[in-house]
PDB file of N, CA and C in Angstrom:
ATOM      1  N   MET A   1      30.470  -2.876  60.710  1.00  0.00           N
ATOM      2  CA  MET A   1      30.492  -4.201  60.177  1.00  0.00           C
ATOM      3  C   MET A   1      29.067  -4.587  59.820  1.00  0.00           C
ATOM      4  N   ALA A   2      28.889  -5.204  58.693  1.00  0.00           N
ATOM      5  CA  ALA A   2      27.560  -5.595  58.244  1.00  0.00           C
ATOM      6  C   ALA A   2      27.557  -7.047  57.788  1.00  0.00           C
ATOM      7  N   SER A   3      26.426  -7.691  58.031  1.00  0.00           N
ATOM      8  CA  SER A   3      26.272  -9.082  57.635  1.00  0.00           C
ATOM      9  C   SER A   3      24.792  -9.369  57.449  1.00  0.00           C
ATOM     10  N   ASP A   4      24.471 -10.414  56.688  1.00  0.00           N
ATOM     11  CA  ASP A   4      23.076 -10.790  56.540  1.00  0.00           C
ATOM     12  C   ASP A   4      22.631 -11.715  57.674  1.00  0.00           C
ATOM     13  N   ALA A   5      23.535 -12.056  58.576  1.00  0.00           N
ATOM     14  CA  ALA A   5      23.170 -12.840  59.757  1.00  0.00           C
ATOM     15  C   ALA A   5      22.549 -11.905  60.799  1.00  0.00           C
ATOM     16  N   SER A   6      21.750 -12.464  61.671  1.00  0.00           N
ATOM     17  CA  SER A   6      21.192 -11.679  62.770  1.00  0.00           C
ATOM     18  C   SER A   6      22.353 -11.154  63.615  1.00  0.00           C
ATOM     19  N   SER A   7      22.284  -9.905  63.989  1.00  0.00           N
ATOM     20  CA  SER A   7      23.401  -9.328  64.742  1.00  0.00           C
ATOM     21  C   SER A   7      23.475  -9.883  66.163  1.00  0.00           C
ATOM     22  N   ARG A   8      22.340 -10.290  66.726  1.00  0.00           N
ATOM     23  CA  ARG A   8      22.335 -10.810  68.098  1.00  0.00           C
ATOM     24  C   ARG A   8      23.074 -12.142  68.147  1.00  0.00           C
ATOM     25  N   GLY A   9      24.101 -12.210  68.961  1.00  0.00           N
ATOM     26  CA  GLY A   9      24.861 -13.448  69.124  1.00  0.00           C
ATOM     27  C   GLY A   9      25.689 -13.833  67.918  1.00  0.00           C
ATOM     28  N   SER A  10      25.965 -12.889  67.023  1.00  0.00           N
ATOM     29  CA  SER A  10      26.673 -13.212  65.785  1.00  0.00           C
ATOM     30  C   SER A  10      28.184 -13.128  65.943  1.00  0.00           C
ATOM     31  N   PHE A  11      28.866 -13.664  64.958  1.00  0.00           N
ATOM     32  CA  PHE A  11      30.322 -13.568  64.913  1.00  0.00           C
ATOM     33  C   PHE A  11      30.760 -12.108  64.857  1.00  0.00           C
ATOM     34  N   LEU A  12      29.991 -11.258  64.149  1.00  0.00           N
ATOM     35  CA  LEU A  12      30.354  -9.845  64.058  1.00  0.00           C
ATOM     36  C   LEU A  12      30.313  -9.165  65.420  1.00  0.00           C
ATOM     37  N   LYS A  13      29.346  -9.514  66.273  1.00  0.00           N
ATOM     38  CA  LYS A  13      29.303  -8.949  67.626  1.00  0.00           C
ATOM     39  C   LYS A  13      30.547  -9.369  68.405  1.00  0.00           C
ATOM     40  N   GLU A  14      30.936 -10.620  68.241  1.00  0.00           N
ATOM     41  CA  GLU A  14      32.146 -11.120  68.903  1.00  0.00           C
ATOM     42  C   GLU A  14      33.377 -10.374  68.390  1.00  0.00           C
ATOM     43  N   MET A  15      33.443 -10.171  67.079  1.00  0.00           N
ATOM     44  CA  MET A  15      34.565  -9.450  66.493  1.00  0.00           C
ATOM     45  C   MET A  15      34.584  -7.996  66.968  1.00  0.00           C
ATOM     46  N   ALA A  16      33.426  -7.352  67.031  1.00  0.00           N
ATOM     47  CA  ALA A  16      33.348  -5.968  67.509  1.00  0.00           C
ATOM     48  C   ALA A  16      33.812  -5.878  68.956  1.00  0.00           C
ATOM     49  N   GLN A  17      33.440  -6.858  69.759  1.00  0.00           N
ATOM     50  CA  GLN A  17      33.874  -6.877  71.156  1.00  0.00           C
ATOM     51  C   GLN A  17      35.390  -7.023  71.256  1.00  0.00           C
ATOM     52  N   THR A  18      35.947  -7.918  70.455  1.00  0.00           N
ATOM     53  CA  THR A  18      37.395  -8.132  70.476  1.00  0.00           C
ATOM     54  C   THR A  18      38.146  -6.887  70.014  1.00  0.00           C
ATOM     55  N   ILE A  19      37.664  -6.249  68.950  1.00  0.00           N
ATOM     56  CA  ILE A  19      38.293  -5.011  68.467  1.00  0.00           C
ATOM     57  C   ILE A  19      38.249  -3.949  69.550  1.00  0.00           C
ATOM     58  N   THR A  20      37.107  -3.823  70.210  1.00  0.00           N
ATOM     59  CA  THR A  20      36.966  -2.826  71.274  1.00  0.00           C
ATOM     60  C   THR A  20      37.940  -3.114  72.417  1.00  0.00           C
ATOM     61  N   GLU A  21      38.039  -4.369  72.825  1.00  0.00           N
ATOM     62  CA  GLU A  21      38.921  -4.732  73.926  1.00  0.00           C
ATOM     63  C   GLU A  21      40.392  -4.508  73.591  1.00  0.00           C
ATOM     64  N   LEU A  22      40.787  -4.856  72.363  1.00  0.00           N
ATOM     65  CA  LEU A  22      42.201  -4.783  71.997  1.00  0.00           C
ATOM     66  C   LEU A  22      42.643  -3.410  71.518  1.00  0.00           C
ATOM     67  N   SER A  23      41.703  -2.618  71.002  1.00  0.00           N
ATOM     68  CA  SER A  23      42.086  -1.352  70.362  1.00  0.00           C
ATOM     69  C   SER A  23      41.361  -0.144  70.920  1.00  0.00           C
ATOM     70  N   PHE A  24      40.804  -0.253  72.112  1.00  0.00           N
ATOM     71  CA  PHE A  24      39.976   0.811  72.672  1.00  0.00           C
ATOM     72  C   PHE A  24      40.636   2.186  72.604  1.00  0.00           C
ATOM     73  N   ASP A  25      41.889   2.269  72.973  1.00  0.00           N
ATOM     74  CA  ASP A  25      42.597   3.560  73.006  1.00  0.00           C
ATOM     75  C   ASP A  25      42.839   4.151  71.624  1.00  0.00           C
ATOM     76  N   HIS A  26      42.710   3.363  70.588  1.00  0.00           N
ATOM     77  CA  HIS A  26      42.989   3.829  69.232  1.00  0.00           C
ATOM     78  C   HIS A  26      41.719   4.090  68.409  1.00  0.00           C
ATOM     79  N   LEU A  27      40.552   3.795  68.967  1.00  0.00           N
ATOM     80  CA  LEU A  27      39.303   3.958  68.231  1.00  0.00           C
ATOM     81  C   LEU A  27      38.744   5.369  68.387  1.00  0.00           C
ATOM     82  N   ASP A  28      38.200   5.910  67.311  1.00  0.00           N
ATOM     83  CA  ASP A  28      37.506   7.197  67.376  1.00  0.00           C
ATOM     84  C   ASP A  28      36.057   7.006  67.811  1.00  0.00           C
ATOM     85  N   ALA A  29      35.516   5.825  67.570  1.00  0.00           N
ATOM     86  CA  ALA A  29      34.151   5.475  67.946  1.00  0.00           C
ATOM     87  C   ALA A  29      34.088   3.958  68.099  1.00  0.00           C
ATOM     88  N   PRO A  30      33.140   3.465  68.873  1.00  0.00           N
ATOM     89  CA  PRO A  30      33.037   2.009  69.011  1.00  0.00           C
ATOM     90  C   PRO A  30      32.548   1.370  67.713  1.00  0.00           C
ATOM     91  N   PRO A  31      32.924   0.122  67.466  1.00  0.00           N
ATOM     92  CA  PRO A  31      32.428  -0.575  66.282  1.00  0.00           C
ATOM     93  C   PRO A  31      30.901  -0.689  66.338  1.00  0.00           C
ATOM     94  N   VAL A  32      30.273  -0.640  65.181  1.00  0.00           N
ATOM     95  CA  VAL A  32      28.823  -0.776  65.071  1.00  0.00           C
ATOM     96  C   VAL A  32      28.539  -1.978  64.178  1.00  0.00           C
ATOM     97  N   VAL A  33      27.632  -2.824  64.615  1.00  0.00           N
ATOM     98  CA  VAL A  33      27.259  -4.008  63.842  1.00  0.00           C
ATOM     99  C   VAL A  33      25.856  -3.805  63.279  1.00  0.00           C
ATOM    100  N   VAL A  34      25.721  -4.003  61.982  1.00  0.00           N
ATOM    101  CA  VAL A  34      24.423  -3.935  61.308  1.00  0.00           C
ATOM    102  C   VAL A  34      24.149  -5.327  60.745  1.00  0.00           C
ATOM    103  N   GLY A  35      23.078  -5.934  61.227  1.00  0.00           N
ATOM    104  CA  GLY A  35      22.735  -7.269  60.766  1.00  0.00           C
ATOM    105  C   GLY A  35      21.252  -7.401  60.519  1.00  0.00           C
ATOM    106  N   SER A  36      20.831  -8.600  60.182  1.00  0.00           N
ATOM    107  CA  SER A  36      19.411  -8.873  59.957  1.00  0.00           C
ATOM    108  C   SER A  36      18.641  -8.729  61.256  1.00  0.00           C
ATOM    109  N   ARG A  37      17.360  -8.546  61.137  1.00  0.00           N
ATOM    110  CA  ARG A  37      16.500  -8.469  62.314  1.00  0.00           C
ATOM    111  C   ARG A  37      16.486  -9.818  63.014  1.00  0.00           C
ATOM    112  N   ASN A  38      16.187  -9.812  64.279  1.00  0.00           N
ATOM    113  CA  ASN A  38      16.149 -11.036  65.071  1.00  0.00           C
ATOM    114  C   ASN A  38      14.767 -11.692  64.941  1.00  0.00           C
ATOM    115  N   TRP A  39      14.468 -12.117  63.725  1.00  0.00           N
ATOM    116  CA  TRP A  39      13.198 -12.759  63.416  1.00  0.00           C
ATOM    117  C   TRP A  39      13.478 -14.041  62.653  1.00  0.00           C
ATOM    118  N   ILE A  40      12.417 -14.786  62.389  1.00  0.00           N
ATOM    119  CA  ILE A  40      12.508 -15.927  61.488  1.00  0.00           C
ATOM    120  C   ILE A  40      12.610 -15.359  60.079  1.00  0.00           C
ATOM    121  N   THR A  41      13.472 -15.932  59.245  1.00  0.00           N
ATOM    122  CA  THR A  41      13.654 -15.422  57.886  1.00  0.00           C
ATOM    123  C   THR A  41      12.310 -15.423  57.155  1.00  0.00           C
ATOM    124  N   PRO A  42      11.890 -14.230  56.681  1.00  0.00           N
ATOM    125  CA  PRO A  42      10.583 -14.131  56.033  1.00  0.00           C
ATOM    126  C   PRO A  42      10.619 -14.520  54.553  1.00  0.00           C
ATOM    127  N   ALA A  43       9.444 -14.504  53.935  1.00  0.00           N
ATOM    128  CA  ALA A  43       9.336 -14.732  52.486  1.00  0.00           C
ATOM    129  C   ALA A  43      10.055 -13.610  51.750  1.00  0.00           C
ATOM    130  N   TYR A  44      10.405 -13.860  50.503  1.00  0.00           N
ATOM    131  CA  TYR A  44      11.216 -12.913  49.749  1.00  0.00           C
ATOM    132  C   TYR A  44      10.574 -11.532  49.632  1.00  0.00           C
ATOM    133  N   GLU A  45       9.255 -11.437  49.718  1.00  0.00           N
ATOM    134  CA  GLU A  45       8.596 -10.129  49.626  1.00  0.00           C
ATOM    135  C   GLU A  45       8.952  -9.211  50.802  1.00  0.00           C
ATOM    136  N   MET A  46       9.394  -9.793  51.890  1.00  0.00           N
ATOM    137  CA  MET A  46       9.693  -9.023  53.101  1.00  0.00           C
ATOM    138  C   MET A  46      11.195  -8.849  53.336  1.00  0.00           C
ATOM    139  N   GLU A  47      12.022  -9.307  52.401  1.00  0.00           N
ATOM    140  CA  GLU A  47      13.473  -9.271  52.602  1.00  0.00           C
ATOM    141  C   GLU A  47      14.014  -7.877  52.860  1.00  0.00           C
ATOM    142  N   GLU A  48      13.440  -6.853  52.244  1.00  0.00           N
ATOM    143  CA  GLU A  48      13.961  -5.496  52.435  1.00  0.00           C
ATOM    144  C   GLU A  48      13.744  -5.001  53.868  1.00  0.00           C
ATOM    145  N   TYR A  49      12.839  -5.631  54.621  1.00  0.00           N
ATOM    146  CA  TYR A  49      12.600  -5.255  56.009  1.00  0.00           C
ATOM    147  C   TYR A  49      13.415  -6.119  56.966  1.00  0.00           C
ATOM    148  N   PHE A  50      13.999  -7.191  56.454  1.00  0.00           N
ATOM    149  CA  PHE A  50      14.710  -8.154  57.291  1.00  0.00           C
ATOM    150  C   PHE A  50      16.225  -8.072  57.140  1.00  0.00           C
ATOM    151  N   PHE A  51      16.707  -8.117  55.895  1.00  0.00           N
ATOM    152  CA  PHE A  51      18.148  -8.093  55.648  1.00  0.00           C
ATOM    153  C   PHE A  51      18.666  -6.658  55.606  1.00  0.00           C
ATOM    154  N   PRO A  52      19.914  -6.445  56.030  1.00  0.00           N
ATOM    155  CA  PRO A  52      20.474  -5.088  56.027  1.00  0.00           C
ATOM    156  C   PRO A  52      20.408  -4.445  54.647  1.00  0.00           C
ATOM    157  N   GLN A  53      20.028  -3.206  54.638  1.00  0.00           N
ATOM    158  CA  GLN A  53      19.919  -2.420  53.416  1.00  0.00           C
ATOM    159  C   GLN A  53      21.004  -1.339  53.445  1.00  0.00           C
ATOM    160  N   PRO A  54      21.395  -0.815  52.290  1.00  0.00           N
ATOM    161  CA  PRO A  54      22.421   0.240  52.268  1.00  0.00           C
ATOM    162  C   PRO A  54      22.081   1.419  53.187  1.00  0.00           C
ATOM    163  N   ASP A  55      20.806   1.784  53.247  1.00  0.00           N
ATOM    164  CA  ASP A  55      20.404   2.889  54.122  1.00  0.00           C
ATOM    165  C   ASP A  55      20.657   2.573  55.589  1.00  0.00           C
ATOM    166  N   TRP A  56      20.493   1.308  55.986  1.00  0.00           N
ATOM    167  CA  TRP A  56      20.733   0.926  57.374  1.00  0.00           C
ATOM    168  C   TRP A  56      22.194   1.173  57.738  1.00  0.00           C
ATOM    169  N   ILE A  57      23.078   0.829  56.824  1.00  0.00           N
ATOM    170  CA  ILE A  57      24.512   0.994  57.079  1.00  0.00           C
ATOM    171  C   ILE A  57      24.857   2.478  57.173  1.00  0.00           C
ATOM    172  N   LEU A  58      24.362   3.272  56.230  1.00  0.00           N
ATOM    173  CA  LEU A  58      24.619   4.719  56.279  1.00  0.00           C
ATOM    174  C   LEU A  58      24.025   5.349  57.529  1.00  0.00           C
ATOM    175  N   ASP A  59      22.829   4.915  57.919  1.00  0.00           N
ATOM    176  CA  ASP A  59      22.201   5.451  59.122  1.00  0.00           C
ATOM    177  C   ASP A  59      23.010   5.105  60.371  1.00  0.00           C
ATOM    178  N   ALA A  60      23.531   3.881  60.435  1.00  0.00           N
ATOM    179  CA  ALA A  60      24.343   3.474  61.583  1.00  0.00           C
ATOM    180  C   ALA A  60      25.628   4.297  61.654  1.00  0.00           C
ATOM    181  N   ILE A  61      26.256   4.525  60.518  1.00  0.00           N
ATOM    182  CA  ILE A  61      27.469   5.353  60.484  1.00  0.00           C
ATOM    183  C   ILE A  61      27.140   6.766  60.939  1.00  0.00           C
ATOM    184  N   ASN A  62      26.060   7.336  60.402  1.00  0.00           N
ATOM    185  CA  ASN A  62      25.675   8.704  60.731  1.00  0.00           C
ATOM    186  C   ASN A  62      25.314   8.851  62.216  1.00  0.00           C
ATOM    187  N   GLU A  63      24.633   7.866  62.762  1.00  0.00           N
ATOM    188  CA  GLU A  63      24.155   7.944  64.150  1.00  0.00           C
ATOM    189  C   GLU A  63      25.240   7.630  65.169  1.00  0.00           C
ATOM    190  N   ARG A  64      26.090   6.631  64.874  1.00  0.00           N
ATOM    191  CA  ARG A  64      26.980   6.112  65.913  1.00  0.00           C
ATOM    192  C   ARG A  64      28.457   6.379  65.705  1.00  0.00           C
ATOM    193  N   ILE A  65      28.888   6.735  64.467  1.00  0.00           N
ATOM    194  CA  ILE A  65      30.319   6.873  64.211  1.00  0.00           C
ATOM    195  C   ILE A  65      30.689   8.309  63.864  1.00  0.00           C
ATOM    196  N   ILE A  66      30.170   8.825  62.764  1.00  0.00           N
ATOM    197  CA  ILE A  66      30.507  10.178  62.323  1.00  0.00           C
ATOM    198  C   ILE A  66      29.311  10.764  61.572  1.00  0.00           C
ATOM    199  N   THR A  67      29.044  12.016  61.806  1.00  0.00           N
ATOM    200  CA  THR A  67      27.929  12.670  61.131  1.00  0.00           C
ATOM    201  C   THR A  67      28.235  12.829  59.648  1.00  0.00           C
ATOM    202  N   LEU A  68      27.308  12.355  58.814  1.00  0.00           N
ATOM    203  CA  LEU A  68      27.449  12.462  57.367  1.00  0.00           C
ATOM    204  C   LEU A  68      26.698  13.711  56.910  1.00  0.00           C
ATOM    205  N   THR A  69      27.407  14.650  56.317  1.00  0.00           N
ATOM    206  CA  THR A  69      26.816  15.913  55.893  1.00  0.00           C
ATOM    207  C   THR A  69      25.645  15.689  54.956  1.00  0.00           C
ATOM    208  N   GLY A  70      24.498  16.264  55.311  1.00  0.00           N
ATOM    209  CA  GLY A  70      23.320  16.194  54.468  1.00  0.00           C
ATOM    210  C   GLY A  70      22.544  14.897  54.547  1.00  0.00           C
ATOM    211  N   HIS A  71      23.006  13.932  55.344  1.00  0.00           N
ATOM    212  CA  HIS A  71      22.316  12.643  55.421  1.00  0.00           C
ATOM    213  C   HIS A  71      21.162  12.721  56.414  1.00  0.00           C
ATOM    214  N   GLN A  72      19.997  12.243  56.010  1.00  0.00           N
ATOM    215  CA  GLN A  72      18.821  12.159  56.875  1.00  0.00           C
ATOM    216  C   GLN A  72      18.564  10.685  57.188  1.00  0.00           C
ATOM    217  N   ASN A  73      18.626  10.321  58.468  1.00  0.00           N
ATOM    218  CA  ASN A  73      18.401   8.926  58.856  1.00  0.00           C
ATOM    219  C   ASN A  73      16.982   8.481  58.549  1.00  0.00           C
ATOM    220  N   LYS A  74      16.872   7.248  58.054  1.00  0.00           N
ATOM    221  CA  LYS A  74      15.575   6.613  57.845  1.00  0.00           C
ATOM    222  C   LYS A  74      15.314   5.587  58.938  1.00  0.00           C
ATOM    223  N   THR A  75      16.389   5.131  59.592  1.00  0.00           N
ATOM    224  CA  THR A  75      16.320   4.129  60.641  1.00  0.00           C
ATOM    225  C   THR A  75      16.998   4.680  61.886  1.00  0.00           C
ATOM    226  N   ASP A  76      16.419   4.409  63.040  1.00  0.00           N
ATOM    227  CA  ASP A  76      16.965   4.884  64.306  1.00  0.00           C
ATOM    228  C   ASP A  76      18.010   3.885  64.814  1.00  0.00           C
ATOM    229  N   TYR A  77      19.267   4.283  64.855  1.00  0.00           N
ATOM    230  CA  TYR A  77      20.348   3.443  65.367  1.00  0.00           C
ATOM    231  C   TYR A  77      20.918   3.997  66.664  1.00  0.00           C
ATOM    232  N   SER A  78      20.097   4.719  67.411  1.00  0.00           N
ATOM    233  CA  SER A  78      20.549   5.268  68.680  1.00  0.00           C
ATOM    234  C   SER A  78      20.718   4.138  69.695  1.00  0.00           C
ATOM    235  N   VAL A  79      21.486   4.410  70.727  1.00  0.00           N
ATOM    236  CA  VAL A  79      21.698   3.430  71.793  1.00  0.00           C
ATOM    237  C   VAL A  79      20.363   3.101  72.459  1.00  0.00           C
ATOM    238  N   GLU A  80      19.536   4.107  72.664  1.00  0.00           N
ATOM    239  CA  GLU A  80      18.238   3.902  73.307  1.00  0.00           C
ATOM    240  C   GLU A  80      17.362   2.943  72.494  1.00  0.00           C
ATOM    241  N   LYS A  81      17.358   3.111  71.186  1.00  0.00           N
ATOM    242  CA  LYS A  81      16.568   2.236  70.318  1.00  0.00           C
ATOM    243  C   LYS A  81      17.110   0.812  70.358  1.00  0.00           C
ATOM    244  N   SER A  82      18.426   0.646  70.369  1.00  0.00           N
ATOM    245  CA  SER A  82      19.032  -0.681  70.447  1.00  0.00           C
ATOM    246  C   SER A  82      18.644  -1.389  71.748  1.00  0.00           C
ATOM    247  N   ILE A  83      18.674  -0.657  72.849  1.00  0.00           N
ATOM    248  CA  ILE A  83      18.291  -1.233  74.142  1.00  0.00           C
ATOM    249  C   ILE A  83      16.826  -1.647  74.123  1.00  0.00           C
ATOM    250  N   ASN A  84      15.982  -0.792  73.574  1.00  0.00           N
ATOM    251  CA  ASN A  84      14.552  -1.082  73.489  1.00  0.00           C
ATOM    252  C   ASN A  84      14.281  -2.316  72.636  1.00  0.00           C
ATOM    253  N   LEU A  85      14.943  -2.432  71.480  1.00  0.00           N
ATOM    254  CA  LEU A  85      14.766  -3.607  70.619  1.00  0.00           C
ATOM    255  C   LEU A  85      15.236  -4.884  71.321  1.00  0.00           C
ATOM    256  N   ASN A  86      16.336  -4.793  72.066  1.00  0.00           N
ATOM    257  CA  ASN A  86      16.821  -5.959  72.796  1.00  0.00           C
ATOM    258  C   ASN A  86      15.817  -6.393  73.864  1.00  0.00           C
ATOM    259  N   LYS A  87      15.191  -5.433  74.535  1.00  0.00           N
ATOM    260  CA  LYS A  87      14.167  -5.763  75.524  1.00  0.00           C
ATOM    261  C   LYS A  87      12.987  -6.465  74.884  1.00  0.00           C
ATOM    262  N   GLN A  88      12.649  -6.063  73.652  1.00  0.00           N
ATOM    263  CA  GLN A  88      11.525  -6.659  72.950  1.00  0.00           C
ATOM    264  C   GLN A  88      11.884  -7.978  72.281  1.00  0.00           C
ATOM    265  N   GLY A  89      13.172  -8.295  72.234  1.00  0.00           N
ATOM    266  CA  GLY A  89      13.616  -9.539  71.598  1.00  0.00           C
ATOM    267  C   GLY A  89      13.646  -9.464  70.086  1.00  0.00           C
ATOM    268  N   VAL A  90      13.700  -8.247  69.541  1.00  0.00           N
ATOM    269  CA  VAL A  90      13.702  -8.079  68.089  1.00  0.00           C
ATOM    270  C   VAL A  90      15.112  -7.838  67.602  1.00  0.00           C
TER     271      VAL A  90
END
């Protein structure tokens, strides 16, 4: 799931949680949420670093859902990286 809202505390996180709770036995992988960074919205020159980009979505799919043949991640969407970013408040 992707949105231009910050993923932390977002409706998409709530929806991912509900899907996981109701459909856990039927999922091949847990839902992944890709959202904006947890920052103040920057000037338009910095939007590509703040709002979700197509590569972010492909990287999240490749890292957390299913390996995409020939795809090289540009962004780290590992569980460890997510935990680290949450600790930093980003």
